[in-house]
């Protein structure tokens, strides 16, 4: 049996094909059809795919060209992030009826600590069912959930009975659950690490568990200790409801590759304007400006500049971006440009809050 001093009850709620489901809900003509949000037949990358499209191998992060090849009947839909944010806000309003300990991972998924919940219900599984039912009844969308003693196991469990399902992994079931799990299903183990583990004869949680911490640290560095612990169900990270924004970004993929810096500056002006709006909407400014460049051969490069002061103004952002753009000659035509701000004043605000909190 898993021994944990924390006895937490964590729910991971994950909306089902969120962007695509919102589009199908808002446009009845798209229901039951394979759709991809983002990308196009000739350009761009898919941001999300409906379950009808996923049957054909269409998924997020693949190119629009490949998506259309996999599914000739695929319908491309332009993303509407303001709409997704609006729905996400309503979902979080439902969450807050149950707990204030909510840690969002993105617009469509979040951790909820319901150990001590507002309903006084000791069953996290029943709470998850109620939350999912309310999301469906009030918003018309389905969600899946994973319930367990920590965030790591809850995250994995939420994918177990998708779509529109849930799975509870009780404290005494955690280790057995992880032992039979394929290593590629472990949250935090990406494609490269999975291949490396395969080469070392590690295909399941049980085989990972058989390796010493020294062996894992030798082959995976600092991550080795993490793998050693999580496969034993040890993951003591708390649900943090006050996650601090660390960067704000805006980017654009072009229909036609750009080969002239002059044309690039025209596009960067628009991107900087979008970034400025996002920064000012959140009352955020930053010191580090990063220019992201993706070339026509899909190689990617970033160039950064840190200023001695915080900025959020488009003109000042562009001044830094122009310097970064002309820093070195382009090696190829460009398909995507992006600008991000980091080293934000949110960290400064956090420091002030901590200082005030412990000053008495």
Protein backbone atom coordinates (compact mmCIF):
# COMPACT_ATOMS: atom_id res chain seq x y z
CA UNK A 1 0.00 0.00 0.00
CA UNK A 2 1.20 3.50 -0.81
CA UNK A 3 2.29 5.41 2.27
CA UNK A 4 1.89 9.17 2.11
CA UNK A 5 1.90 11.69 4.94
CA UNK A 6 -0.25 14.05 2.92
CA UNK A 7 -3.50 12.14 2.26
CA UNK A 8 -4.52 14.64 -0.39
CA UNK A 9 -7.51 14.23 -2.68
CA UNK A 10 -6.62 15.68 -6.08
CA UNK A 11 -8.84 15.94 -9.15
CA UNK A 12 -7.37 16.67 -12.57
CA UNK A 13 -10.10 17.96 -14.89
CA UNK A 14 -9.32 17.88 -18.60
CA UNK A 15 -11.82 19.17 -21.16
CA UNK A 16 -12.41 16.85 -24.13
CA UNK A 17 -10.98 18.26 -27.40
CA UNK A 18 -11.73 21.67 -25.94
CA UNK A 19 -11.12 24.10 -28.83
CA UNK A 20 -12.72 21.77 -31.36
CA UNK A 21 -15.67 21.01 -29.07
CA UNK A 22 -16.36 24.72 -28.56
CA UNK A 23 -16.37 25.23 -32.34
CA UNK A 24 -18.77 22.31 -32.82
CA UNK A 25 -21.02 23.59 -30.04
CA UNK A 26 -21.17 27.09 -31.53
CA UNK A 27 -21.64 25.87 -35.09
CA UNK A 28 -24.09 22.93 -35.37
CA UNK A 29 -22.98 22.31 -38.99
CA UNK A 30 -19.60 21.14 -37.66
CA UNK A 31 -21.00 18.58 -35.23
CA UNK A 32 -20.05 15.01 -35.98
CA UNK A 33 -17.51 16.11 -38.59
CA UNK A 34 -13.70 15.94 -38.53
CA UNK A 35 -12.42 19.43 -37.79
CA UNK A 36 -9.04 20.96 -37.02
CA UNK A 37 -8.65 24.24 -35.19
CA UNK A 38 -5.74 26.20 -36.65
CA UNK A 39 -3.58 25.44 -39.65
CA UNK A 40 -4.80 25.12 -43.23
CA UNK A 41 -4.44 22.79 -46.21
CA UNK A 42 -1.22 24.50 -47.19
CA UNK A 43 0.23 26.11 -44.06
CA UNK A 44 0.32 26.26 -40.32
CA UNK A 45 0.04 23.81 -37.47
CA UNK A 46 -3.05 22.17 -35.98
CA UNK A 47 -3.86 23.52 -32.50
CA UNK A 48 -6.61 21.00 -31.75
CA UNK A 49 -8.60 18.27 -33.47
CA UNK A 50 -12.08 16.87 -32.92
CA UNK A 51 -12.42 13.21 -31.99
CA UNK A 52 -13.84 12.55 -35.47
CA UNK A 53 -10.54 13.86 -36.90
CA UNK A 54 -8.36 12.02 -34.40
CA UNK A 55 -9.57 8.71 -35.79
CA UNK A 56 -7.59 9.58 -38.93
CA UNK A 57 -4.40 10.47 -37.05
CA UNK A 58 -5.06 14.21 -36.95
CA UNK A 59 -3.75 15.69 -33.70
CA UNK A 60 -2.35 18.89 -32.29
CA UNK A 61 1.12 20.06 -33.38
CA UNK A 62 1.11 18.32 -36.79
CA UNK A 63 1.18 20.43 -39.93
CA UNK A 64 -2.01 21.33 -41.76
CA UNK A 65 -0.63 19.63 -44.86
CA UNK A 66 -0.13 16.33 -43.02
CA UNK A 67 -3.54 16.64 -41.34
CA UNK A 68 -5.29 17.06 -44.70
CA UNK A 69 -3.34 14.14 -46.13
CA UNK A 70 -4.45 11.93 -43.24
CA UNK A 71 -8.05 13.11 -43.48
CA UNK A 72 -9.13 14.49 -46.89
CA UNK A 73 -12.55 15.45 -45.47
CA UNK A 74 -10.97 17.57 -42.73
CA UNK A 75 -12.50 21.01 -42.11
CA UNK A 76 -10.12 23.74 -40.92
CA UNK A 77 -11.49 26.32 -38.48
CA UNK A 78 -9.72 29.51 -37.41
CA UNK A 79 -9.06 29.60 -33.64
CA UNK A 80 -11.04 32.03 -31.44
CA UNK A 81 -8.99 32.29 -28.27
CA UNK A 82 -11.15 34.97 -26.69
CA UNK A 83 -14.13 32.61 -26.94
CA UNK A 84 -12.12 29.73 -25.42
CA UNK A 85 -11.00 32.02 -22.59
CA UNK A 86 -14.62 33.06 -21.98
CA UNK A 87 -15.71 29.42 -21.64
CA UNK A 88 -12.67 28.60 -19.49
CA UNK A 89 -13.62 31.39 -17.09
CA UNK A 90 -17.09 29.86 -16.70
CA UNK A 91 -15.57 26.43 -16.05
CA UNK A 92 -13.35 27.88 -13.31
CA UNK A 93 -16.39 29.55 -11.76
CA UNK A 94 -17.86 26.05 -11.36
CA UNK A 95 -14.58 24.82 -9.84
CA UNK A 96 -14.69 27.59 -7.23
CA UNK A 97 -18.00 26.26 -5.93
CA UNK A 98 -16.00 23.26 -4.68
CA UNK A 99 -12.54 24.56 -3.75
CA UNK A 100 -10.32 27.62 -3.92
CA UNK A 101 -7.25 25.42 -4.42
CA UNK A 102 -7.25 25.43 -8.24
CA UNK A 103 -4.10 25.24 -10.35
CA UNK A 104 -4.75 25.86 -14.06
CA UNK A 105 -2.38 24.20 -16.53
CA UNK A 106 -4.01 25.79 -19.58
CA UNK A 107 -7.45 27.01 -20.66
CA UNK A 108 -8.77 23.45 -20.76
CA UNK A 109 -7.26 21.67 -17.78
CA UNK A 110 -6.65 22.23 -14.08
CA UNK A 111 -5.83 20.53 -10.79
CA UNK A 112 -8.30 20.82 -7.90
CA UNK A 113 -7.38 19.97 -4.32
CA UNK A 114 -10.65 18.81 -2.74
CA UNK A 115 -9.15 17.33 0.43
CA UNK A 116 -11.09 19.97 2.39
CA UNK A 117 -13.82 21.05 -0.01
CA UNK A 118 -16.69 23.53 0.22
CA UNK A 119 -19.31 20.79 -0.15
CA UNK A 120 -18.03 18.80 2.82
CA UNK A 121 -18.09 15.69 0.62
CA UNK A 122 -15.41 13.11 1.54
CA UNK A 123 -15.67 11.42 -1.88
CA UNK A 124 -13.44 13.07 -4.49
CA UNK A 125 -14.88 10.71 -7.09
CA UNK A 126 -18.44 11.90 -6.47
CA UNK A 127 -17.27 15.52 -6.55
CA UNK A 128 -15.58 14.91 -9.92
CA UNK A 129 -18.81 13.40 -11.29
CA UNK A 130 -20.80 16.39 -10.07
CA UNK A 131 -18.33 18.89 -11.57
CA UNK A 132 -18.34 17.12 -14.94
CA UNK A 133 -22.16 16.96 -14.95
CA UNK A 134 -22.40 20.68 -14.19
CA UNK A 135 -19.96 21.54 -17.01
CA UNK A 136 -22.12 19.53 -19.40
CA UNK A 137 -25.48 20.88 -18.19
CA UNK A 138 -24.39 24.50 -17.90
CA UNK A 139 -21.95 24.80 -20.81
CA UNK A 140 -22.78 21.91 -23.14
CA UNK A 141 -19.26 20.46 -23.09
CA UNK A 142 -17.82 17.21 -21.81
CA UNK A 143 -14.83 16.81 -19.51
CA UNK A 144 -12.79 13.89 -18.23
CA UNK A 145 -11.24 13.59 -14.78
CA UNK A 146 -8.58 11.72 -12.90
CA UNK A 147 -8.74 11.37 -9.13
CA UNK A 148 -5.92 10.29 -6.85
CA UNK A 149 -3.60 11.19 -3.97
CA UNK A 150 -1.27 13.45 -5.99
CA UNK A 151 -1.12 15.55 -9.13
CA UNK A 152 1.08 13.11 -11.08
CA UNK A 153 -1.28 10.14 -10.79
CA UNK A 154 -4.42 12.27 -11.21
CA UNK A 155 -3.04 13.71 -14.46
CA UNK A 156 -2.38 10.24 -15.88
CA UNK A 157 -5.76 8.93 -14.68
CA UNK A 158 -7.71 11.71 -16.43
CA UNK A 159 -6.58 10.33 -19.79
CA UNK A 160 -7.62 6.79 -18.92
CA UNK A 161 -11.35 6.91 -19.80
CA UNK A 162 -11.44 9.78 -22.29
CA UNK A 163 -13.66 11.20 -23.59
CA UNK A 164 -16.36 12.02 -21.04
CA UNK A 165 -15.16 9.64 -18.36
CA UNK A 166 -13.17 9.51 -15.16
CA UNK A 167 -10.91 7.19 -13.21
CA UNK A 168 -10.12 7.05 -9.52
CA UNK A 169 -6.83 5.57 -8.34
CA UNK A 170 -7.14 4.95 -4.61
CA UNK A 171 -4.10 5.16 -2.28
CA UNK A 172 -3.71 1.38 -2.10
CA UNK A 173 -3.94 1.07 -5.91
CA UNK A 174 -1.37 3.66 -6.94
CA UNK A 175 1.76 1.51 -7.18
CA UNK A 176 0.00 -1.36 -8.96
CA UNK A 177 -1.57 1.15 -11.38
CA UNK A 178 1.83 2.63 -12.23
CA UNK A 179 3.60 -0.73 -12.49
CA UNK A 180 1.49 -1.91 -15.45
CA UNK A 181 1.45 1.49 -17.15
CA UNK A 182 3.42 1.78 -20.42
CA UNK A 183 6.32 4.18 -19.86
CA UNK A 184 5.13 6.42 -22.72
CA UNK A 185 1.99 7.13 -20.65
CA UNK A 186 3.98 8.61 -17.77
CA UNK A 187 3.38 12.35 -17.52
CA UNK A 188 6.67 14.18 -18.07
CA UNK A 189 8.27 11.37 -20.10
CA UNK A 190 8.47 12.74 -23.64
CA UNK A 191 9.22 11.03 -26.93
CA UNK A 192 13.02 11.34 -26.67
CA UNK A 193 13.12 10.05 -23.08
CA UNK A 194 10.75 7.22 -23.98
CA UNK A 195 13.09 6.07 -26.76
CA UNK A 196 16.06 6.22 -24.38
CA UNK A 197 14.17 4.16 -21.80
CA UNK A 198 13.28 1.61 -24.48
CA UNK A 199 16.98 1.27 -25.30
CA UNK A 200 17.63 0.58 -21.61
CA UNK A 201 14.93 -2.11 -21.52
CA UNK A 202 12.40 0.04 -19.66
CA UNK A 203 8.94 -0.36 -21.20
CA UNK A 204 6.61 -0.34 -18.16
CA UNK A 205 6.41 1.22 -14.74
CA UNK A 206 7.49 -2.06 -13.16
CA UNK A 207 10.70 -2.09 -15.23
CA UNK A 208 11.34 1.54 -14.30
CA UNK A 209 10.76 0.66 -10.65
CA UNK A 210 13.40 -2.09 -10.84
CA UNK A 211 16.14 0.48 -11.55
CA UNK A 212 18.11 2.09 -8.74
CA UNK A 213 18.15 5.84 -8.23
CA UNK A 214 21.88 5.76 -9.09
CA UNK A 215 21.16 4.05 -12.42
CA UNK A 216 18.44 6.53 -13.30
CA UNK A 217 20.52 9.57 -12.34
CA UNK A 218 23.43 8.23 -14.39
CA UNK A 219 21.26 8.00 -17.52
CA UNK A 220 18.77 10.83 -16.97
CA UNK A 221 20.58 13.32 -14.77
CA UNK A 222 18.46 15.25 -12.25
CA UNK A 223 15.28 13.77 -13.74
CA UNK A 224 16.42 10.33 -12.59
CA UNK A 225 15.42 11.02 -8.97
CA UNK A 226 12.03 12.28 -10.16
CA UNK A 227 11.38 9.06 -12.12
CA UNK A 228 12.52 6.98 -9.16
CA UNK A 229 9.98 8.67 -6.88
CA UNK A 230 6.93 9.03 -9.11
CA UNK A 231 6.91 5.37 -10.16
CA UNK A 232 6.54 4.66 -6.43
CA UNK A 233 3.63 7.08 -6.21
CA UNK A 234 5.67 9.75 -4.44
CA UNK A 235 4.89 13.24 -5.72
CA UNK A 236 4.37 15.84 -3.01
CA UNK A 237 3.89 18.92 -5.18
CA UNK A 238 0.96 20.94 -3.84
CA UNK A 239 -1.86 22.42 -5.91
CA UNK A 240 -0.81 26.05 -6.24
CA UNK A 241 -3.64 28.49 -6.81
CA UNK A 242 -1.32 31.49 -7.17
CA UNK A 243 0.74 30.50 -10.19
CA UNK A 244 2.79 33.43 -11.38
CA UNK A 245 2.88 34.32 -15.10
CA UNK A 246 6.49 33.97 -16.25
CA UNK A 247 6.18 35.05 -19.87
CA UNK A 248 3.71 36.61 -22.30
CA UNK A 249 4.02 35.99 -26.05
CA UNK A 250 2.47 36.56 -29.46
CA UNK A 251 3.40 34.92 -32.76
CA UNK A 252 2.17 34.40 -36.31
CA UNK A 253 2.68 31.76 -39.00
CA UNK A 254 2.66 33.23 -42.52
CA UNK A 255 0.81 31.93 -45.57
CA UNK A 256 3.86 32.81 -47.69
CA UNK A 257 7.44 32.58 -46.41
CA UNK A 258 9.17 35.92 -45.81
CA UNK A 259 12.66 36.54 -47.14
CA UNK A 260 13.02 40.29 -46.59
CA UNK A 261 13.75 41.89 -43.21
CA UNK A 262 11.59 44.86 -44.27
CA UNK A 263 8.54 42.60 -44.67
CA UNK A 264 9.45 40.91 -41.40
CA UNK A 265 9.46 44.25 -39.56
CA UNK A 266 5.99 45.00 -40.94
CA UNK A 267 4.73 41.74 -39.47
CA UNK A 268 6.64 42.22 -36.22
CA UNK A 269 4.91 45.58 -35.81
CA UNK A 270 1.53 43.77 -35.80
CA UNK A 271 2.82 41.05 -33.47
CA UNK A 272 4.23 43.66 -31.07
CA UNK A 273 0.84 45.42 -31.04
CA UNK A 274 -0.84 42.15 -30.02
CA UNK A 275 1.79 41.56 -27.34
CA UNK A 276 1.33 45.09 -26.00
CA UNK A 277 -2.44 44.50 -25.65
CA UNK A 278 -1.87 41.26 -23.77
CA UNK A 279 0.69 42.81 -21.44
CA UNK A 280 -1.44 45.84 -20.64
CA UNK A 281 -4.58 43.77 -20.17
CA UNK A 282 -2.77 41.83 -17.44
CA UNK A 283 -0.96 44.93 -16.07
CA UNK A 284 2.35 43.19 -16.81
CA UNK A 285 5.68 44.50 -18.07
CA UNK A 286 9.01 42.79 -18.61
CA UNK A 287 12.73 43.30 -19.05
CA UNK A 288 13.67 40.48 -21.45
CA UNK A 289 12.51 40.61 -25.08
CA UNK A 290 12.86 37.40 -27.12
CA UNK A 291 12.49 37.14 -30.88
CA UNK A 292 11.42 33.70 -32.13
CA UNK A 293 12.18 32.78 -35.74
CA UNK A 294 11.05 29.58 -37.45
CA UNK A 295 12.58 29.05 -40.88
CA UNK A 296 11.08 27.38 -43.94
CA UNK A 297 13.05 24.21 -43.17
CA UNK A 298 11.31 24.16 -39.73
CA UNK A 299 14.51 24.90 -37.81
CA UNK A 300 13.96 27.41 -35.03
CA UNK A 301 16.05 30.15 -33.47
CA UNK A 302 15.56 32.56 -30.56
CA UNK A 303 17.40 35.81 -29.88
CA UNK A 304 17.02 37.69 -26.59
CA UNK A 305 17.87 41.06 -25.12
CA UNK A 306 17.49 42.07 -21.46
CA UNK A 307 16.87 45.73 -20.68
CA UNK A 308 17.68 47.51 -17.40
CA UNK A 309 14.01 48.53 -17.00
CA UNK A 310 10.50 47.09 -17.42
CA UNK A 311 8.62 47.78 -20.66
CA UNK A 312 5.18 47.02 -22.12
CA UNK A 313 5.02 49.69 -24.82
CA UNK A 314 4.93 48.54 -28.46
CA UNK A 315 7.50 51.14 -29.56
CA UNK A 316 10.05 50.05 -26.97
CA UNK A 317 9.40 46.37 -27.71
CA UNK A 318 9.95 46.98 -31.45
CA UNK A 319 13.16 48.89 -30.75
CA UNK A 320 14.62 45.81 -29.05
CA UNK A 321 13.16 43.45 -31.67
CA UNK A 322 14.68 45.43 -34.55
CA UNK A 323 18.11 45.12 -32.97
CA UNK A 324 17.59 41.36 -32.55
CA UNK A 325 16.32 40.93 -36.12
CA UNK A 326 19.40 42.56 -37.63
CA UNK A 327 21.75 40.87 -35.17
CA UNK A 328 22.74 38.35 -37.83
CA UNK A 329 21.79 37.54 -41.40
CA UNK A 330 18.85 35.22 -41.98
CA UNK A 331 19.94 31.76 -43.04
CA UNK A 332 16.69 30.98 -44.87
CA UNK A 333 13.21 32.33 -45.60
CA UNK A 334 10.94 32.63 -42.54
CA UNK A 335 7.57 30.95 -41.94
CA UNK A 336 6.90 32.13 -38.36
CA UNK A 337 7.83 35.09 -36.18
CA UNK A 338 7.08 35.59 -32.52
CA UNK A 339 7.89 37.99 -29.71
CA UNK A 340 7.80 37.18 -26.01
CA UNK A 341 8.41 39.13 -22.81
CA UNK A 342 9.90 37.46 -19.75
CA UNK A 343 11.72 38.53 -16.59
CA UNK A 344 8.35 40.05 -15.69
CA UNK A 345 7.28 42.35 -12.88
CA UNK A 346 5.02 39.51 -11.66
CA UNK A 347 8.07 38.14 -9.83
CA UNK A 348 8.53 41.57 -8.23
CA UNK A 349 4.87 41.58 -7.17
CA UNK A 350 5.30 38.10 -5.71
CA UNK A 351 8.30 39.27 -3.67
CA UNK A 352 6.28 42.22 -2.30
CA UNK A 353 3.40 39.93 -1.35
CA UNK A 354 5.74 37.54 0.47
CA UNK A 355 7.43 40.42 2.28
CA UNK A 356 4.11 41.83 3.47
CA UNK A 357 2.83 38.41 4.46
CA UNK A 358 5.75 37.64 6.77
CA UNK A 359 6.57 41.11 8.08
CA UNK A 360 4.68 40.67 11.36
